[in-house]
Amino acid sequence: MCSKVSLRSDFPWAACIASMAGLLGIAWISVYYVTGGSFPIPAWEKWNLVAGISLIVTSLVIASRQK
C-alpha cells in the first residue's frame, strides 16, 4: 500500500522566507540596473539578472506550497 506524500508545506516561517526572497530578488535587479552593472557582483555581468530572477522564482515556489 502506498502512502500519500504531501508536497505542501505548513511551516509558519515559509511566508516570511518567501516574502524576503522576493524582495531581495527585486532589490538585486534594481541595484544592478541603477548602478549600471557595477554592483552587486560586477564579475557576473548579466548573470546578476539570473540571480535576481531566481530569487523571485524561489519565492513563488515557496509561496505556492503554503497551505
N, C-alpha and C. Protein backbone atom coordinates (compact mmCIF):
# COMPACT_ATOMS: atom_id res chain seq x y z
N MET A 1 0.84 -1.17 0.00
CA MET A 1 0.00 0.00 0.00
C MET A 1 0.90 1.24 0.00
N CYS A 2 0.61 2.17 -0.87
CA CYS A 2 1.40 3.39 -0.98
C CYS A 2 0.81 4.47 -0.08
N SER A 3 1.69 5.18 0.56
CA SER A 3 1.21 6.30 1.37
C SER A 3 1.33 7.59 0.58
N LYS A 4 0.43 8.50 0.86
CA LYS A 4 0.44 9.78 0.16
C LYS A 4 1.55 10.66 0.72
N VAL A 5 2.26 11.29 -0.17
CA VAL A 5 3.30 12.23 0.23
C VAL A 5 2.81 13.62 -0.13
N SER A 6 2.74 14.46 0.86
CA SER A 6 2.26 15.82 0.64
C SER A 6 3.41 16.72 0.22
N LEU A 7 3.20 17.46 -0.86
CA LEU A 7 4.20 18.41 -1.31
C LEU A 7 3.97 19.79 -0.72
N ARG A 8 2.89 19.93 0.02
CA ARG A 8 2.57 21.23 0.60
C ARG A 8 3.29 21.39 1.93
N SER A 9 3.57 22.63 2.25
CA SER A 9 4.30 22.94 3.47
C SER A 9 3.39 23.68 4.44
N ASP A 10 3.57 23.45 5.72
CA ASP A 10 2.80 24.21 6.69
C ASP A 10 3.73 24.86 7.71
N PHE A 11 4.94 25.20 7.26
CA PHE A 11 5.88 25.86 8.15
C PHE A 11 5.45 27.31 8.34
N PRO A 12 5.39 27.78 9.57
CA PRO A 12 4.92 29.16 9.80
C PRO A 12 5.89 30.22 9.27
N TRP A 13 7.14 29.88 9.13
CA TRP A 13 8.14 30.85 8.66
C TRP A 13 8.28 30.87 7.15
N ALA A 14 7.61 29.99 6.45
CA ALA A 14 7.75 29.92 5.00
C ALA A 14 7.24 31.18 4.31
N ALA A 15 6.18 31.77 4.81
CA ALA A 15 5.67 33.00 4.20
C ALA A 15 6.67 34.14 4.35
N CYS A 16 7.32 34.21 5.47
CA CYS A 16 8.35 35.23 5.70
C CYS A 16 9.53 35.02 4.76
N ILE A 17 9.96 33.78 4.60
CA ILE A 17 11.08 33.46 3.72
C ILE A 17 10.71 33.79 2.27
N ALA A 18 9.50 33.46 1.88
CA ALA A 18 9.05 33.75 0.51
C ALA A 18 9.03 35.26 0.26
N SER A 19 8.52 36.02 1.22
CA SER A 19 8.48 37.47 1.07
C SER A 19 9.87 38.06 0.98
N MET A 20 10.76 37.61 1.84
CA MET A 20 12.12 38.15 1.85
C MET A 20 12.87 37.78 0.57
N ALA A 21 12.70 36.56 0.07
CA ALA A 21 13.37 36.15 -1.16
C ALA A 21 12.86 36.98 -2.35
N GLY A 22 11.57 37.24 -2.39
CA GLY A 22 11.02 38.05 -3.47
C GLY A 22 11.52 39.49 -3.43
N LEU A 23 11.52 40.07 -2.24
CA LEU A 23 12.00 41.44 -2.10
C LEU A 23 13.50 41.54 -2.39
N LEU A 24 14.26 40.54 -1.96
CA LEU A 24 15.69 40.53 -2.25
C LEU A 24 15.95 40.41 -3.75
N GLY A 25 15.15 39.61 -4.43
CA GLY A 25 15.30 39.46 -5.88
C GLY A 25 15.01 40.76 -6.61
N ILE A 26 13.94 41.45 -6.19
CA ILE A 26 13.61 42.74 -6.81
C ILE A 26 14.70 43.76 -6.51
N ALA A 27 15.19 43.77 -5.28
CA ALA A 27 16.25 44.70 -4.91
C ALA A 27 17.53 44.41 -5.69
N TRP A 28 17.85 43.12 -5.87
CA TRP A 28 19.05 42.71 -6.60
C TRP A 28 19.02 43.25 -8.03
N ILE A 29 17.89 43.05 -8.69
CA ILE A 29 17.76 43.52 -10.08
C ILE A 29 17.76 45.05 -10.13
N SER A 30 17.09 45.69 -9.19
CA SER A 30 17.04 47.15 -9.16
C SER A 30 18.43 47.75 -8.97
N VAL A 31 19.17 47.21 -8.02
CA VAL A 31 20.53 47.71 -7.77
C VAL A 31 21.41 47.49 -8.99
N TYR A 32 21.25 46.35 -9.63
CA TYR A 32 22.04 46.07 -10.84
C TYR A 32 21.80 47.12 -11.92
N TYR A 33 20.55 47.46 -12.14
CA TYR A 33 20.22 48.44 -13.17
C TYR A 33 20.62 49.86 -12.77
N VAL A 34 20.39 50.23 -11.51
CA VAL A 34 20.69 51.59 -11.06
C VAL A 34 22.20 51.87 -11.10
N THR A 35 23.01 50.88 -10.75
CA THR A 35 24.46 51.08 -10.72
C THR A 35 25.11 50.80 -12.07
N GLY A 36 24.34 50.48 -13.06
CA GLY A 36 24.90 50.22 -14.39
C GLY A 36 25.72 48.94 -14.47
N GLY A 37 25.42 47.98 -13.62
CA GLY A 37 26.10 46.68 -13.66
C GLY A 37 27.35 46.61 -12.82
N SER A 38 27.68 47.68 -12.09
CA SER A 38 28.90 47.66 -11.27
C SER A 38 28.67 47.11 -9.87
N PHE A 39 27.46 46.77 -9.55
CA PHE A 39 27.12 46.22 -8.25
C PHE A 39 25.89 45.37 -8.41
N PRO A 40 25.59 44.33 -7.77
CA PRO A 40 26.14 43.68 -6.60
C PRO A 40 27.43 42.89 -6.89
N ILE A 41 27.51 42.14 -7.98
CA ILE A 41 28.73 41.37 -8.27
C ILE A 41 29.14 41.69 -9.70
N PRO A 42 30.11 42.58 -9.89
CA PRO A 42 30.46 43.02 -11.24
C PRO A 42 30.95 41.90 -12.16
N ALA A 43 31.62 40.91 -11.62
CA ALA A 43 32.16 39.83 -12.45
C ALA A 43 31.07 38.97 -13.07
N TRP A 44 29.88 38.99 -12.50
CA TRP A 44 28.78 38.17 -13.02
C TRP A 44 28.13 38.78 -14.25
N GLU A 45 28.31 40.07 -14.46
CA GLU A 45 27.71 40.80 -15.58
C GLU A 45 26.22 40.52 -15.67
N LYS A 46 25.74 39.96 -16.79
CA LYS A 46 24.30 39.73 -16.98
C LYS A 46 23.75 38.61 -16.09
N TRP A 47 24.63 37.81 -15.52
CA TRP A 47 24.17 36.74 -14.64
C TRP A 47 23.55 37.29 -13.35
N ASN A 48 23.79 38.56 -13.06
CA ASN A 48 23.11 39.18 -11.92
C ASN A 48 21.60 39.17 -12.12
N LEU A 49 21.15 39.31 -13.36
CA LEU A 49 19.72 39.22 -13.65
C LEU A 49 19.19 37.82 -13.35
N VAL A 50 19.97 36.82 -13.69
CA VAL A 50 19.56 35.44 -13.41
C VAL A 50 19.45 35.21 -11.91
N ALA A 51 20.40 35.77 -11.15
CA ALA A 51 20.36 35.63 -9.69
C ALA A 51 19.10 36.28 -9.12
N GLY A 52 18.77 37.48 -9.59
CA GLY A 52 17.58 38.17 -9.09
C GLY A 52 16.30 37.45 -9.46
N ILE A 53 16.22 37.00 -10.70
CA ILE A 53 15.02 36.27 -11.15
C ILE A 53 14.90 34.94 -10.41
N SER A 54 16.02 34.30 -10.14
CA SER A 54 15.99 33.03 -9.39
C SER A 54 15.44 33.24 -7.99
N LEU A 55 15.80 34.34 -7.36
CA LEU A 55 15.24 34.62 -6.03
C LEU A 55 13.73 34.86 -6.10
N ILE A 56 13.29 35.54 -7.13
CA ILE A 56 11.85 35.79 -7.28
C ILE A 56 11.10 34.48 -7.54
N VAL A 57 11.65 33.62 -8.39
CA VAL A 57 11.02 32.32 -8.68
C VAL A 57 11.00 31.46 -7.43
N THR A 58 12.09 31.50 -6.66
CA THR A 58 12.14 30.74 -5.41
C THR A 58 11.03 31.19 -4.46
N SER A 59 10.81 32.49 -4.39
CA SER A 59 9.75 32.98 -3.50
C SER A 59 8.38 32.52 -3.98
N LEU A 60 8.18 32.48 -5.28
CA LEU A 60 6.90 32.00 -5.80
C LEU A 60 6.69 30.51 -5.53
N VAL A 61 7.75 29.74 -5.64
CA VAL A 61 7.65 28.29 -5.36
C VAL A 61 7.32 28.07 -3.90
N ILE A 62 8.00 28.77 -3.02
CA ILE A 62 7.75 28.61 -1.59
C ILE A 62 6.32 29.05 -1.26
N ALA A 63 5.90 30.17 -1.83
CA ALA A 63 4.55 30.67 -1.54
C ALA A 63 3.47 29.75 -2.08
N SER A 64 3.72 29.09 -3.20
CA SER A 64 2.71 28.21 -3.77
C SER A 64 2.57 26.91 -2.98
N ARG A 65 3.52 26.60 -2.18
CA ARG A 65 3.44 25.37 -1.38
C ARG A 65 2.85 25.61 0.01
N GLN A 66 2.49 26.84 0.31
CA GLN A 66 1.86 27.15 1.58
C GLN A 66 0.40 26.72 1.59
N LYS A 67 -0.07 26.34 2.74
CA LYS A 67 -1.49 25.97 2.91
C LYS A 67 -2.31 27.20 3.14
